[in-house]
Amino acid sequence: MSDQRKSVTTDKWILDHRGTKNPVDPFKPYAWLVEKERQPSGKAEDTGTIFLTNMECPFHCLMCDLWKNTTDRPVPVGAIPAQIEWALEQMPQVKHLKLYNSGSFFDDRAIPVADYPKIASLLTGFETVIIESHPKFIDGSCLQFRNMLHSDLQVAIGLETVHPEILRKLNKHVTIDNFSDSVKFLTRNGIRSRAFILLRPPYLTEAEGIVWAQKSIDFAFSAGVECCIVIPVRAGNGAMDELMKSGDFHLPKIKSLESVLEYGINLNAGRVFADVWDLGLFSTCPDCLEQRINRINAMNLNQEIVFREKCSCETMEI
């Protein structure tokens, strides 16, 4: 681990290094997409994601850049259903839908409880609905929403890392016990969960980043999650860029993402996916980038290890 352990990751420090937010419309999602995702059944099926526009999360995590597409105040009652309705009109028909909202679905300042019935009505016909939440918002409101649905509800939770010091520095205001308790609450109530795992958060070397991502996957599955998503940490939110300048953060390598994905799949404990957004950031070799991206996509969909051809860039590394 880096010898520099400056306790700079407070709310004020993080906010002071931000740029400006993007303009957003409270009655439209800021993005949507459709991609294939392997289901628990083993089938790879089209899955839609709607990126909802709502009030910023109250927790200012060090690595987060989702605040860029949020509002400063709660959106009006009716705005979230309008966003979902608009996106579904644009989107091809899918069986599974993710409602990601740059924070916690069960934060009433982000998603008004008064909108739950209309949202649930709009989701009629979907086999699976996946939302995201900070552990501190997983309570009775989760069950209230689940009871309105005719779909299988899943909740995505950011575990991030089980490294206690790094988790504290991420400013997430959560412990691994909070995470575990939330997963157990969901499991007791028949709700499946998935965990977001970070690959190489700040203050870790490349090798440490791999080891702690693997340990985090182990912990998440032992807590009871059904699925893990490994996310290579990026810069671009201001705070992370400052840590890059100081040498406290470095982008992980794409081959490290491959290694962690292989590890998770080999556990046979549940589905493990690698986040594939903008993977070119994590490679300095144009010769093998496309092959690596294709390999990661194939492993995501098939949950099987795909043979990897060695590239000359690996032999040149010291």
C-alpha atoms as a PDB file:
ATOM      1  CA  MET A   1       0.000   0.000   0.000  1.00  0.00           C
ATOM      2  CA  SER A   2       1.136   3.566  -0.625  1.00  0.00           C
ATOM      3  CA  ASP A   3       3.078   5.093   2.266  1.00  0.00           C
ATOM      4  CA  GLN A   4       1.070   8.298   1.881  1.00  0.00           C
ATOM      5  CA  ARG A   5      -2.036   8.027   4.058  1.00  0.00           C
ATOM      6  CA  LYS A   6      -3.306  11.569   4.044  1.00  0.00           C
ATOM      7  CA  SER A   7      -6.806  11.822   5.503  1.00  0.00           C
ATOM      8  CA  VAL A   8      -7.990  14.133   2.757  1.00  0.00           C
ATOM      9  CA  THR A   9     -11.093  12.242   1.777  1.00  0.00           C
ATOM     10  CA  THR A  10     -13.645  14.272   3.700  1.00  0.00           C
ATOM     11  CA  ASP A  11     -16.860  15.650   2.241  1.00  0.00           C
ATOM     12  CA  LYS A  12     -15.377  19.137   2.019  1.00  0.00           C
ATOM     13  CA  TRP A  13     -12.196  18.020   0.265  1.00  0.00           C
ATOM     14  CA  ILE A  14     -14.139  15.901  -2.216  1.00  0.00           C
ATOM     15  CA  LEU A  15     -16.672  18.651  -2.959  1.00  0.00           C
ATOM     16  CA  ASP A  16     -13.943  21.294  -3.273  1.00  0.00           C
ATOM     17  CA  HIS A  17     -12.350  19.350  -6.128  1.00  0.00           C
ATOM     18  CA  ARG A  18     -15.515  18.864  -8.159  1.00  0.00           C
ATOM     19  CA  GLY A  19     -16.262  20.442 -11.480  1.00  0.00           C
ATOM     20  CA  THR A  20     -19.712  21.486 -12.646  1.00  0.00           C
ATOM     21  CA  LYS A  21     -22.742  19.264 -13.097  1.00  0.00           C
ATOM     22  CA  ASN A  22     -24.214  18.465 -16.493  1.00  0.00           C
ATOM     23  CA  PRO A  23     -27.570  20.053 -17.357  1.00  0.00           C
ATOM     24  CA  VAL A  24     -30.395  17.566 -16.778  1.00  0.00           C
ATOM     25  CA  ASP A  25     -34.153  17.451 -17.260  1.00  0.00           C
ATOM     26  CA  PRO A  26     -36.075  16.236 -14.173  1.00  0.00           C
ATOM     27  CA  PHE A  27     -38.691  14.683 -16.459  1.00  0.00           C
ATOM     28  CA  LYS A  28     -36.247  12.681 -18.603  1.00  0.00           C
ATOM     29  CA  PRO A  29     -33.580  10.131 -17.697  1.00  0.00           C
ATOM     30  CA  TYR A  30     -30.088  11.286 -18.565  1.00  0.00           C
ATOM     31  CA  ALA A  31     -29.401   8.026 -20.445  1.00  0.00           C
ATOM     32  CA  TRP A  32     -30.684   4.550 -21.198  1.00  0.00           C
ATOM     33  CA  LEU A  33     -29.232   1.460 -22.854  1.00  0.00           C
ATOM     34  CA  VAL A  34     -29.917  -2.185 -23.654  1.00  0.00           C
ATOM     35  CA  GLU A  35     -27.268  -4.892 -23.333  1.00  0.00           C
ATOM     36  CA  LYS A  36     -27.195  -8.637 -22.947  1.00  0.00           C
ATOM     37  CA  GLU A  37     -26.713 -10.017 -19.446  1.00  0.00           C
ATOM     38  CA  ARG A  38     -26.490 -13.611 -18.348  1.00  0.00           C
ATOM     39  CA  GLN A  39     -29.429 -14.493 -16.140  1.00  0.00           C
ATOM     40  CA  PRO A  40     -29.458 -16.938 -13.204  1.00  0.00           C
ATOM     41  CA  SER A  41     -31.164 -19.372 -15.592  1.00  0.00           C
ATOM     42  CA  GLY A  42     -28.001 -19.435 -17.710  1.00  0.00           C
ATOM     43  CA  LYS A  43     -29.554 -17.584 -20.639  1.00  0.00           C
ATOM     44  CA  ALA A  44     -28.035 -14.350 -21.967  1.00  0.00           C
ATOM     45  CA  GLU A  45     -30.990 -11.997 -22.433  1.00  0.00           C
ATOM     46  CA  ASP A  46     -31.487  -8.351 -23.339  1.00  0.00           C
ATOM     47  CA  THR A  47     -31.556  -6.169 -20.244  1.00  0.00           C
ATOM     48  CA  GLY A  48     -32.489  -2.502 -20.237  1.00  0.00           C
ATOM     49  CA  THR A  49     -30.999   0.136 -17.968  1.00  0.00           C
ATOM     50  CA  ILE A  50     -32.613   3.516 -17.311  1.00  0.00           C
ATOM     51  CA  PHE A  51     -30.344   6.086 -15.684  1.00  0.00           C
ATOM     52  CA  LEU A  52     -32.811   8.179 -13.720  1.00  0.00           C
ATOM     53  CA  THR A  53     -32.382  11.873 -13.045  1.00  0.00           C
ATOM     54  CA  ASN A  54     -32.920  12.758  -9.396  1.00  0.00           C
ATOM     55  CA  MET A  55     -31.448  14.523  -6.398  1.00  0.00           C
ATOM     56  CA  GLU A  56     -27.818  13.839  -5.618  1.00  0.00           C
ATOM     57  CA  CYS A  57     -26.925  11.107  -3.139  1.00  0.00           C
ATOM     58  CA  PRO A  58     -26.263  12.442   0.390  1.00  0.00           C
ATOM     59  CA  PHE A  59     -23.045  10.388   0.586  1.00  0.00           C
ATOM     60  CA  HIS A  60     -20.064  11.880  -1.233  1.00  0.00           C
ATOM     61  CA  CYS A  61     -17.967   8.835  -2.054  1.00  0.00           C
ATOM     62  CA  LEU A  62     -14.395   9.538  -3.074  1.00  0.00           C
ATOM     63  CA  MET A  63     -14.514   7.611  -6.359  1.00  0.00           C
ATOM     64  CA  CYS A  64     -18.039   8.524  -7.456  1.00  0.00           C
ATOM     65  CA  ASP A  65     -18.764  10.592 -10.559  1.00  0.00           C
ATOM     66  CA  LEU A  66     -22.510   9.938 -10.701  1.00  0.00           C
ATOM     67  CA  TRP A  67     -23.226  13.330  -9.115  1.00  0.00           C
ATOM     68  CA  LYS A  68     -22.528  14.902 -12.511  1.00  0.00           C
ATOM     69  CA  ASN A  69     -26.027  14.006 -13.728  1.00  0.00           C
ATOM     70  CA  THR A  70     -28.068  14.801 -10.620  1.00  0.00           C
ATOM     71  CA  THR A  71     -30.207  17.675  -9.385  1.00  0.00           C
ATOM     72  CA  ASP A  72     -29.569  19.775  -6.289  1.00  0.00           C
ATOM     73  CA  ARG A  73     -33.152  19.448  -5.052  1.00  0.00           C
ATOM     74  CA  PRO A  74     -35.731  16.658  -5.001  1.00  0.00           C
ATOM     75  CA  VAL A  75     -37.536  16.212  -8.305  1.00  0.00           C
ATOM     76  CA  PRO A  76     -41.326  16.726  -8.254  1.00  0.00           C
ATOM     77  CA  VAL A  77     -43.659  13.848  -7.498  1.00  0.00           C
ATOM     78  CA  GLY A  78     -44.508  12.314 -10.865  1.00  0.00           C
ATOM     79  CA  ALA A  79     -41.150  13.123 -12.461  1.00  0.00           C
ATOM     80  CA  ILE A  80     -39.601   9.670 -11.941  1.00  0.00           C
ATOM     81  CA  PRO A  81     -42.581   7.790 -13.449  1.00  0.00           C
ATOM     82  CA  ALA A  82     -42.486  10.236 -16.369  1.00  0.00           C
ATOM     83  CA  GLN A  83     -38.809   9.426 -16.921  1.00  0.00           C
ATOM     84  CA  ILE A  84     -39.472   5.686 -16.881  1.00  0.00           C
ATOM     85  CA  GLU A  85     -42.438   6.013 -19.215  1.00  0.00           C
ATOM     86  CA  TRP A  86     -40.399   8.126 -21.655  1.00  0.00           C
ATOM     87  CA  ALA A  87     -37.497   5.648 -21.678  1.00  0.00           C
ATOM     88  CA  LEU A  88     -39.735   2.620 -22.161  1.00  0.00           C
ATOM     89  CA  GLU A  89     -41.254   4.286 -25.218  1.00  0.00           C
ATOM     90  CA  GLN A  90     -37.774   4.597 -26.757  1.00  0.00           C
ATOM     91  CA  MET A  91     -36.442   1.213 -25.665  1.00  0.00           C
ATOM     92  CA  PRO A  92     -36.949  -2.100 -27.471  1.00  0.00           C
ATOM     93  CA  GLN A  93     -38.908  -4.674 -25.508  1.00  0.00           C
ATOM     94  CA  VAL A  94     -36.839  -6.450 -22.839  1.00  0.00           C
ATOM     95  CA  LYS A  95     -37.587  -8.904 -20.033  1.00  0.00           C
ATOM     96  CA  HIS A  96     -35.282  -7.375 -17.450  1.00  0.00           C
ATOM     97  CA  LEU A  97     -34.917  -3.745 -16.375  1.00  0.00           C
ATOM     98  CA  LYS A  98     -32.434  -1.867 -14.202  1.00  0.00           C
ATOM     99  CA  LEU A  99     -33.452   1.435 -12.639  1.00  0.00           C
ATOM    100  CA  TYR A 100     -30.178   3.090 -11.655  1.00  0.00           C
ATOM    101  CA  ASN A 101     -30.473   6.496 -10.075  1.00  0.00           C
ATOM    102  CA  SER A 102     -26.971   7.743  -9.160  1.00  0.00           C
ATOM    103  CA  GLY A 103     -27.655   6.979  -5.517  1.00  0.00           C
ATOM    104  CA  SER A 104     -30.225   4.982  -3.585  1.00  0.00           C
ATOM    105  CA  PHE A 105     -33.648   4.070  -4.919  1.00  0.00           C
ATOM    106  CA  PHE A 106     -34.998   3.976  -1.358  1.00  0.00           C
ATOM    107  CA  ASP A 107     -33.787   7.485  -0.529  1.00  0.00           C
ATOM    108  CA  ASP A 108     -37.092   9.380  -0.454  1.00  0.00           C
ATOM    109  CA  ARG A 109     -35.351  12.599  -1.529  1.00  0.00           C
ATOM    110  CA  ALA A 110     -34.261  10.807  -4.693  1.00  0.00           C
ATOM    111  CA  ILE A 111     -37.303   8.631  -5.452  1.00  0.00           C
ATOM    112  CA  PRO A 112     -40.475   9.848  -3.693  1.00  0.00           C
ATOM    113  CA  VAL A 113     -42.383   7.079  -1.931  1.00  0.00           C
ATOM    114  CA  ALA A 114     -45.536   8.652  -3.373  1.00  0.00           C
ATOM    115  CA  ASP A 115     -44.303   7.555  -6.811  1.00  0.00           C
ATOM    116  CA  TYR A 116     -43.926   3.872  -5.899  1.00  0.00           C
ATOM    117  CA  PRO A 117     -47.419   2.793  -7.067  1.00  0.00           C
ATOM    118  CA  LYS A 118     -47.074   4.456 -10.482  1.00  0.00           C
ATOM    119  CA  ILE A 119     -43.530   3.128 -10.918  1.00  0.00           C
ATOM    120  CA  ALA A 120     -44.680  -0.387 -10.019  1.00  0.00           C
ATOM    121  CA  SER A 121     -47.537  -0.112 -12.513  1.00  0.00           C
ATOM    122  CA  LEU A 122     -45.124   0.875 -15.289  1.00  0.00           C
ATOM    123  CA  LEU A 123     -42.958  -2.151 -14.496  1.00  0.00           C
ATOM    124  CA  THR A 124     -45.765  -4.661 -15.001  1.00  0.00           C
ATOM    125  CA  GLY A 125     -44.625  -7.313 -17.461  1.00  0.00           C
ATOM    126  CA  PHE A 126     -40.931  -7.314 -16.614  1.00  0.00           C
ATOM    127  CA  GLU A 127     -39.538 -10.553 -15.228  1.00  0.00           C
ATOM    128  CA  THR A 128     -36.823  -8.785 -13.260  1.00  0.00           C
ATOM    129  CA  VAL A 129     -36.425  -5.277 -11.858  1.00  0.00           C
ATOM    130  CA  ILE A 130     -33.023  -4.285 -10.459  1.00  0.00           C
ATOM    131  CA  ILE A 131     -32.510  -1.158  -8.391  1.00  0.00           C
ATOM    132  CA  GLU A 132     -29.503   0.142  -6.435  1.00  0.00           C
ATOM    133  CA  SER A 133     -29.237   1.321  -2.845  1.00  0.00           C
ATOM    134  CA  HIS A 134     -26.786   2.282  -0.133  1.00  0.00           C
ATOM    135  CA  PRO A 135     -27.066  -0.164   2.801  1.00  0.00           C
ATOM    136  CA  LYS A 136     -28.355   2.563   5.104  1.00  0.00           C
ATOM    137  CA  PHE A 137     -31.524   2.944   2.994  1.00  0.00           C
ATOM    138  CA  ILE A 138     -32.403  -0.752   2.888  1.00  0.00           C
ATOM    139  CA  ASP A 139     -35.333  -1.054   5.276  1.00  0.00           C
ATOM    140  CA  GLY A 140     -39.092  -1.369   5.262  1.00  0.00           C
ATOM    141  CA  SER A 141     -39.478   0.883   2.214  1.00  0.00           C
ATOM    142  CA  CYS A 142     -37.749  -1.824   0.208  1.00  0.00           C
ATOM    143  CA  LEU A 143     -40.430  -4.313   1.186  1.00  0.00           C
ATOM    144  CA  GLN A 144     -43.138  -1.732   0.545  1.00  0.00           C
ATOM    145  CA  PHE A 145     -41.938  -1.325  -3.040  1.00  0.00           C
ATOM    146  CA  ARG A 146     -41.393  -5.065  -3.546  1.00  0.00           C
ATOM    147  CA  ASN A 147     -44.961  -5.785  -2.478  1.00  0.00           C
ATOM    148  CA  MET A 148     -46.274  -3.509  -5.236  1.00  0.00           C
ATOM    149  CA  LEU A 149     -44.321  -5.298  -7.967  1.00  0.00           C
ATOM    150  CA  HIS A 150     -45.294  -8.274 -10.105  1.00  0.00           C
ATOM    151  CA  SER A 151     -41.611  -8.734 -10.970  1.00  0.00           C
ATOM    152  CA  ASP A 152     -38.644 -10.327  -9.232  1.00  0.00           C
ATOM    153  CA  LEU A 153     -36.914  -7.479  -7.369  1.00  0.00           C
ATOM    154  CA  GLN A 154     -33.129  -7.438  -7.059  1.00  0.00           C
ATOM    155  CA  VAL A 155     -31.068  -4.856  -5.168  1.00  0.00           C
ATOM    156  CA  ALA A 156     -27.543  -3.814  -6.146  1.00  0.00           C
ATOM    157  CA  ILE A 157     -25.364  -2.636  -3.248  1.00  0.00           C
ATOM    158  CA  GLY A 158     -21.914  -1.072  -3.320  1.00  0.00           C
ATOM    159  CA  LEU A 159     -19.636  -3.164  -1.138  1.00  0.00           C
ATOM    160  CA  GLU A 160     -16.653  -1.539  -2.915  1.00  0.00           C
ATOM    161  CA  THR A 161     -13.920  -3.214  -0.826  1.00  0.00           C
ATOM    162  CA  VAL A 162     -13.508  -5.184   2.369  1.00  0.00           C
ATOM    163  CA  HIS A 163     -10.206  -3.441   3.102  1.00  0.00           C
ATOM    164  CA  PRO A 164     -11.257  -1.587   6.284  1.00  0.00           C
ATOM    165  CA  GLU A 165      -8.899   1.375   5.943  1.00  0.00           C
ATOM    166  CA  ILE A 166      -9.580   1.885   2.243  1.00  0.00           C
ATOM    167  CA  LEU A 167     -13.337   1.583   2.781  1.00  0.00           C
ATOM    168  CA  ARG A 168     -13.104   4.334   5.378  1.00  0.00           C
ATOM    169  CA  LYS A 169     -11.084   6.532   3.019  1.00  0.00           C
ATOM    170  CA  LEU A 170     -13.726   6.091   0.313  1.00  0.00           C
ATOM    171  CA  ASN A 171     -16.023   8.218   2.513  1.00  0.00           C
ATOM    172  CA  LYS A 172     -18.953   5.897   1.899  1.00  0.00           C
ATOM    173  CA  HIS A 173     -20.130   5.976   5.527  1.00  0.00           C
ATOM    174  CA  VAL A 174     -20.606   2.222   5.595  1.00  0.00           C
ATOM    175  CA  THR A 175     -18.943  -0.832   7.112  1.00  0.00           C
ATOM    176  CA  ILE A 176     -18.766  -4.386   5.864  1.00  0.00           C
ATOM    177  CA  ASP A 177     -21.129  -5.311   8.697  1.00  0.00           C
ATOM    178  CA  ASN A 178     -23.665  -2.776   7.362  1.00  0.00           C
ATOM    179  CA  PHE A 179     -23.365  -4.443   3.963  1.00  0.00           C
ATOM    180  CA  SER A 180     -23.724  -7.941   5.375  1.00  0.00           C
ATOM    181  CA  ASP A 181     -26.743  -6.971   7.488  1.00  0.00           C
ATOM    182  CA  SER A 182     -28.458  -5.444   4.439  1.00  0.00           C
ATOM    183  CA  VAL A 183     -27.883  -8.552   2.335  1.00  0.00           C
ATOM    184  CA  LYS A 184     -29.221 -10.763   5.126  1.00  0.00           C
ATOM    185  CA  PHE A 185     -32.312  -8.549   5.463  1.00  0.00           C
ATOM    186  CA  LEU A 186     -32.972  -8.840   1.734  1.00  0.00           C
ATOM    187  CA  THR A 187     -32.367 -12.592   1.695  1.00  0.00           C
ATOM    188  CA  ARG A 188     -34.729 -13.156   4.639  1.00  0.00           C
ATOM    189  CA  ASN A 189     -37.404 -11.353   2.677  1.00  0.00           C
ATOM    190  CA  GLY A 190     -36.867 -13.265  -0.554  1.00  0.00           C
ATOM    191  CA  ILE A 191     -35.033 -10.476  -2.398  1.00  0.00           C
ATOM    192  CA  ARG A 192     -31.844 -11.287  -4.274  1.00  0.00           C
ATOM    193  CA  SER A 193     -28.878  -8.938  -4.162  1.00  0.00           C
ATOM    194  CA  ARG A 194     -25.781  -8.128  -6.167  1.00  0.00           C
ATOM    195  CA  ALA A 195     -22.588  -6.361  -5.085  1.00  0.00           C
ATOM    196  CA  PHE A 196     -20.442  -3.735  -6.765  1.00  0.00           C
ATOM    197  CA  ILE A 197     -16.732  -4.451  -6.185  1.00  0.00           C
ATOM    198  CA  LEU A 198     -13.970  -1.932  -6.954  1.00  0.00           C
ATOM    199  CA  LEU A 199     -10.749  -2.944  -8.680  1.00  0.00           C
ATOM    200  CA  ARG A 200      -7.813  -0.950  -7.357  1.00  0.00           C
ATOM    201  CA  PRO A 201      -9.306   1.906  -5.362  1.00  0.00           C
ATOM    202  CA  PRO A 202      -6.859   4.614  -4.237  1.00  0.00           C
ATOM    203  CA  TYR A 203      -3.872   3.849  -2.006  1.00  0.00           C
ATOM    204  CA  LEU A 204      -3.399   0.285  -3.322  1.00  0.00           C
ATOM    205  CA  THR A 205      -0.745  -1.129  -5.639  1.00  0.00           C
ATOM    206  CA  GLU A 206      -1.785  -3.143  -8.694  1.00  0.00           C
ATOM    207  CA  ALA A 207      -1.132  -6.441  -6.912  1.00  0.00           C
ATOM    208  CA  GLU A 208      -2.980  -5.286  -3.789  1.00  0.00           C
ATOM    209  CA  GLY A 209      -5.877  -4.137  -5.938  1.00  0.00           C
ATOM    210  CA  ILE A 210      -6.265  -7.634  -7.368  1.00  0.00           C
ATOM    211  CA  VAL A 211      -6.006  -9.366  -3.990  1.00  0.00           C
ATOM    212  CA  TRP A 212      -8.511  -7.080  -2.277  1.00  0.00           C
ATOM    213  CA  ALA A 213     -10.993  -7.328  -5.154  1.00  0.00           C
ATOM    214  CA  GLN A 214     -10.805 -11.111  -4.823  1.00  0.00           C
ATOM    215  CA  LYS A 215     -11.274 -10.905  -1.048  1.00  0.00           C
ATOM    216  CA  SER A 216     -14.249  -8.612  -1.578  1.00  0.00           C
ATOM    217  CA  ILE A 217     -15.864 -11.093  -3.964  1.00  0.00           C
ATOM    218  CA  ASP A 218     -15.338 -13.851  -1.393  1.00  0.00           C
ATOM    219  CA  PHE A 219     -16.972 -11.743   1.310  1.00  0.00           C
ATOM    220  CA  ALA A 220     -19.906 -10.703  -0.872  1.00  0.00           C
ATOM    221  CA  PHE A 221     -20.782 -14.287  -1.749  1.00  0.00           C
ATOM    222  CA  SER A 222     -20.342 -15.418   1.858  1.00  0.00           C
ATOM    223  CA  ALA A 223     -22.774 -12.657   2.890  1.00  0.00           C
ATOM    224  CA  GLY A 224     -25.372 -14.056   0.494  1.00  0.00           C
ATOM    225  CA  VAL A 225     -25.280 -12.012  -2.720  1.00  0.00           C
ATOM    226  CA  GLU A 226     -26.140 -13.793  -5.955  1.00  0.00           C
ATOM    227  CA  CYS A 227     -23.999 -11.693  -8.288  1.00  0.00           C
ATOM    228  CA  CYS A 228     -20.847  -9.536  -8.190  1.00  0.00           C
ATOM    229  CA  ILE A 229     -19.879  -6.769 -10.613  1.00  0.00           C
ATOM    230  CA  VAL A 230     -16.197  -5.801 -10.688  1.00  0.00           C
ATOM    231  CA  ILE A 231     -15.653  -2.137 -11.563  1.00  0.00           C
ATOM    232  CA  PRO A 232     -12.186  -0.828 -12.455  1.00  0.00           C
ATOM    233  CA  VAL A 233     -11.780   2.530 -10.729  1.00  0.00           C
ATOM    234  CA  ARG A 234     -11.555   5.595 -12.966  1.00  0.00           C
ATOM    235  CA  ALA A 235     -10.521   9.196 -12.586  1.00  0.00           C
ATOM    236  CA  GLY A 236     -12.538  12.139 -13.897  1.00  0.00           C
ATOM    237  CA  ASN A 237     -14.504  13.331 -10.880  1.00  0.00           C
ATOM    238  CA  GLY A 238     -11.973  15.856  -9.604  1.00  0.00           C
ATOM    239  CA  ALA A 239     -10.976  14.137  -6.378  1.00  0.00           C
ATOM    240  CA  MET A 240      -9.589  11.070  -8.133  1.00  0.00           C
ATOM    241  CA  ASP A 241      -7.627  13.289 -10.497  1.00  0.00           C
ATOM    242  CA  GLU A 242      -6.000  14.983  -7.513  1.00  0.00           C
ATOM    243  CA  LEU A 243      -5.044  11.597  -6.101  1.00  0.00           C
ATOM    244  CA  MET A 244      -3.516  10.655  -9.451  1.00  0.00           C
ATOM    245  CA  LYS A 245      -1.378  13.789  -9.310  1.00  0.00           C
ATOM    246  CA  SER A 246      -0.178  12.914  -5.802  1.00  0.00           C
ATOM    247  CA  GLY A 247       0.584   9.317  -6.777  1.00  0.00           C
ATOM    248  CA  ASP A 248      -2.082   7.892  -4.459  1.00  0.00           C
ATOM    249  CA  PHE A 249      -4.184   6.528  -7.312  1.00  0.00           C
ATOM    250  CA  HIS A 250      -3.332   4.771 -10.560  1.00  0.00           C
ATOM    251  CA  LEU A 251      -5.707   3.322 -13.121  1.00  0.00           C
ATOM    252  CA  PRO A 252      -5.866  -0.474 -12.885  1.00  0.00           C
ATOM    253  CA  LYS A 253      -4.725  -2.561 -15.845  1.00  0.00           C
ATOM    254  CA  ILE A 254      -7.186  -4.383 -18.048  1.00  0.00           C
ATOM    255  CA  LYS A 255      -5.320  -7.643 -17.483  1.00  0.00           C
ATOM    256  CA  SER A 256      -5.965  -7.224 -13.744  1.00  0.00           C
ATOM    257  CA  LEU A 257      -9.681  -6.973 -14.499  1.00  0.00           C
ATOM    258  CA  GLU A 258      -9.398 -10.202 -16.494  1.00  0.00           C
ATOM    259  CA  SER A 259      -7.639 -11.903 -13.586  1.00  0.00           C
ATOM    260  CA  VAL A 260     -10.272 -10.876 -11.045  1.00  0.00           C
ATOM    261  CA  LEU A 261     -13.096 -11.897 -13.393  1.00  0.00           C
ATOM    262  CA  GLU A 262     -11.463 -15.298 -13.906  1.00  0.00           C
ATOM    263  CA  TYR A 263     -11.103 -15.708 -10.149  1.00  0.00           C
ATOM    264  CA  GLY A 264     -14.746 -14.906  -9.522  1.00  0.00           C
ATOM    265  CA  ILE A 265     -16.056 -17.198 -12.245  1.00  0.00           C
ATOM    266  CA  ASN A 266     -13.885 -20.070 -11.013  1.00  0.00           C
ATOM    267  CA  LEU A 267     -15.498 -19.820  -7.567  1.00  0.00           C
ATOM    268  CA  ASN A 268     -18.803 -21.081  -9.014  1.00  0.00           C
ATOM    269  CA  ALA A 269     -20.509 -19.191  -6.191  1.00  0.00           C
ATOM    270  CA  GLY A 270     -22.724 -17.000  -8.383  1.00  0.00           C
ATOM    271  CA  ARG A 271     -22.546 -14.777 -11.417  1.00  0.00           C
ATOM    272  CA  VAL A 272     -19.534 -12.482 -11.717  1.00  0.00           C
ATOM    273  CA  PHE A 273     -19.360  -9.694 -14.287  1.00  0.00           C
ATOM    274  CA  ALA A 274     -16.711  -7.173 -15.224  1.00  0.00           C
ATOM    275  CA  ASP A 275     -17.878  -3.649 -15.991  1.00  0.00           C
ATOM    276  CA  VAL A 276     -16.991  -3.047 -19.643  1.00  0.00           C
ATOM    277  CA  TRP A 277     -17.592   0.695 -19.880  1.00  0.00           C
ATOM    278  CA  ASP A 278     -14.683   2.496 -21.599  1.00  0.00           C
ATOM    279  CA  LEU A 279     -12.182  -0.327 -21.127  1.00  0.00           C
ATOM    280  CA  GLY A 280      -9.693   1.426 -23.378  1.00  0.00           C
ATOM    281  CA  LEU A 281      -8.809   3.592 -20.373  1.00  0.00           C
ATOM    282  CA  PHE A 282      -7.124   0.619 -18.745  1.00  0.00           C
ATOM    283  CA  SER A 283      -4.911  -0.480 -21.623  1.00  0.00           C
ATOM    284  CA  THR A 284      -1.773   1.007 -23.147  1.00  0.00           C
ATOM    285  CA  CYS A 285      -1.485  -1.631 -25.887  1.00  0.00           C
ATOM    286  CA  PRO A 286      -3.580  -1.188 -29.040  1.00  0.00           C
ATOM    287  CA  ASP A 287      -2.521  -4.621 -30.304  1.00  0.00           C
ATOM    288  CA  CYS A 288      -4.434  -6.663 -27.721  1.00  0.00           C
ATOM    289  CA  LEU A 289      -7.157  -4.278 -26.514  1.00  0.00           C
ATOM    290  CA  GLU A 290      -9.911  -5.520 -28.830  1.00  0.00           C
ATOM    291  CA  GLN A 291      -9.072  -9.144 -28.065  1.00  0.00           C
ATOM    292  CA  ARG A 292      -9.185  -8.476 -24.326  1.00  0.00           C
ATOM    293  CA  ILE A 293     -12.510  -6.636 -24.557  1.00  0.00           C
ATOM    294  CA  ASN A 294     -14.014  -9.477 -26.601  1.00  0.00           C
ATOM    295  CA  ARG A 295     -12.686 -11.993 -24.090  1.00  0.00           C
ATOM    296  CA  ILE A 296     -14.171 -10.121 -21.131  1.00  0.00           C
ATOM    297  CA  ASN A 297     -17.529  -9.804 -22.901  1.00  0.00           C
ATOM    298  CA  ALA A 298     -17.530 -13.532 -23.669  1.00  0.00           C
ATOM    299  CA  MET A 299     -16.722 -14.446 -20.063  1.00  0.00           C
ATOM    300  CA  ASN A 300     -19.448 -12.096 -18.824  1.00  0.00           C
ATOM    301  CA  LEU A 301     -22.047 -13.775 -21.018  1.00  0.00           C
ATOM    302  CA  ASN A 302     -20.940 -17.399 -20.702  1.00  0.00           C
ATOM    303  CA  GLN A 303     -19.497 -17.416 -17.165  1.00  0.00           C
ATOM    304  CA  GLU A 304     -16.699 -19.622 -18.468  1.00  0.00           C
ATOM    305  CA  ILE A 305     -12.971 -18.904 -18.767  1.00  0.00           C
ATOM    306  CA  VAL A 306     -11.963 -18.058 -22.333  1.00  0.00           C
ATOM    307  CA  PHE A 307      -8.449 -18.918 -23.530  1.00  0.00           C
ATOM    308  CA  ARG A 308      -6.219 -15.862 -23.706  1.00  0.00           C
ATOM    309  CA  GLU A 309      -3.483 -15.362 -26.274  1.00  0.00           C
ATOM    310  CA  LYS A 310      -0.381 -13.737 -24.823  1.00  0.00           C
ATOM    311  CA  CYS A 311       0.594 -10.347 -26.198  1.00  0.00           C
ATOM    312  CA  SER A 312       4.104  -8.946 -26.573  1.00  0.00           C
ATOM    313  CA  CYS A 313       3.097  -6.129 -24.194  1.00  0.00           C
ATOM    314  CA  GLU A 314       3.127  -8.627 -21.323  1.00  0.00           C
ATOM    315  CA  THR A 315       6.685  -9.782 -21.982  1.00  0.00           C
ATOM    316  CA  MET A 316       7.847  -6.160 -22.044  1.00  0.00           C
ATOM    317  CA  GLU A 317       6.492  -5.456 -18.558  1.00  0.00           C
ATOM    318  CA  ILE A 318       9.018  -5.441 -15.750  1.00  0.00           C
END
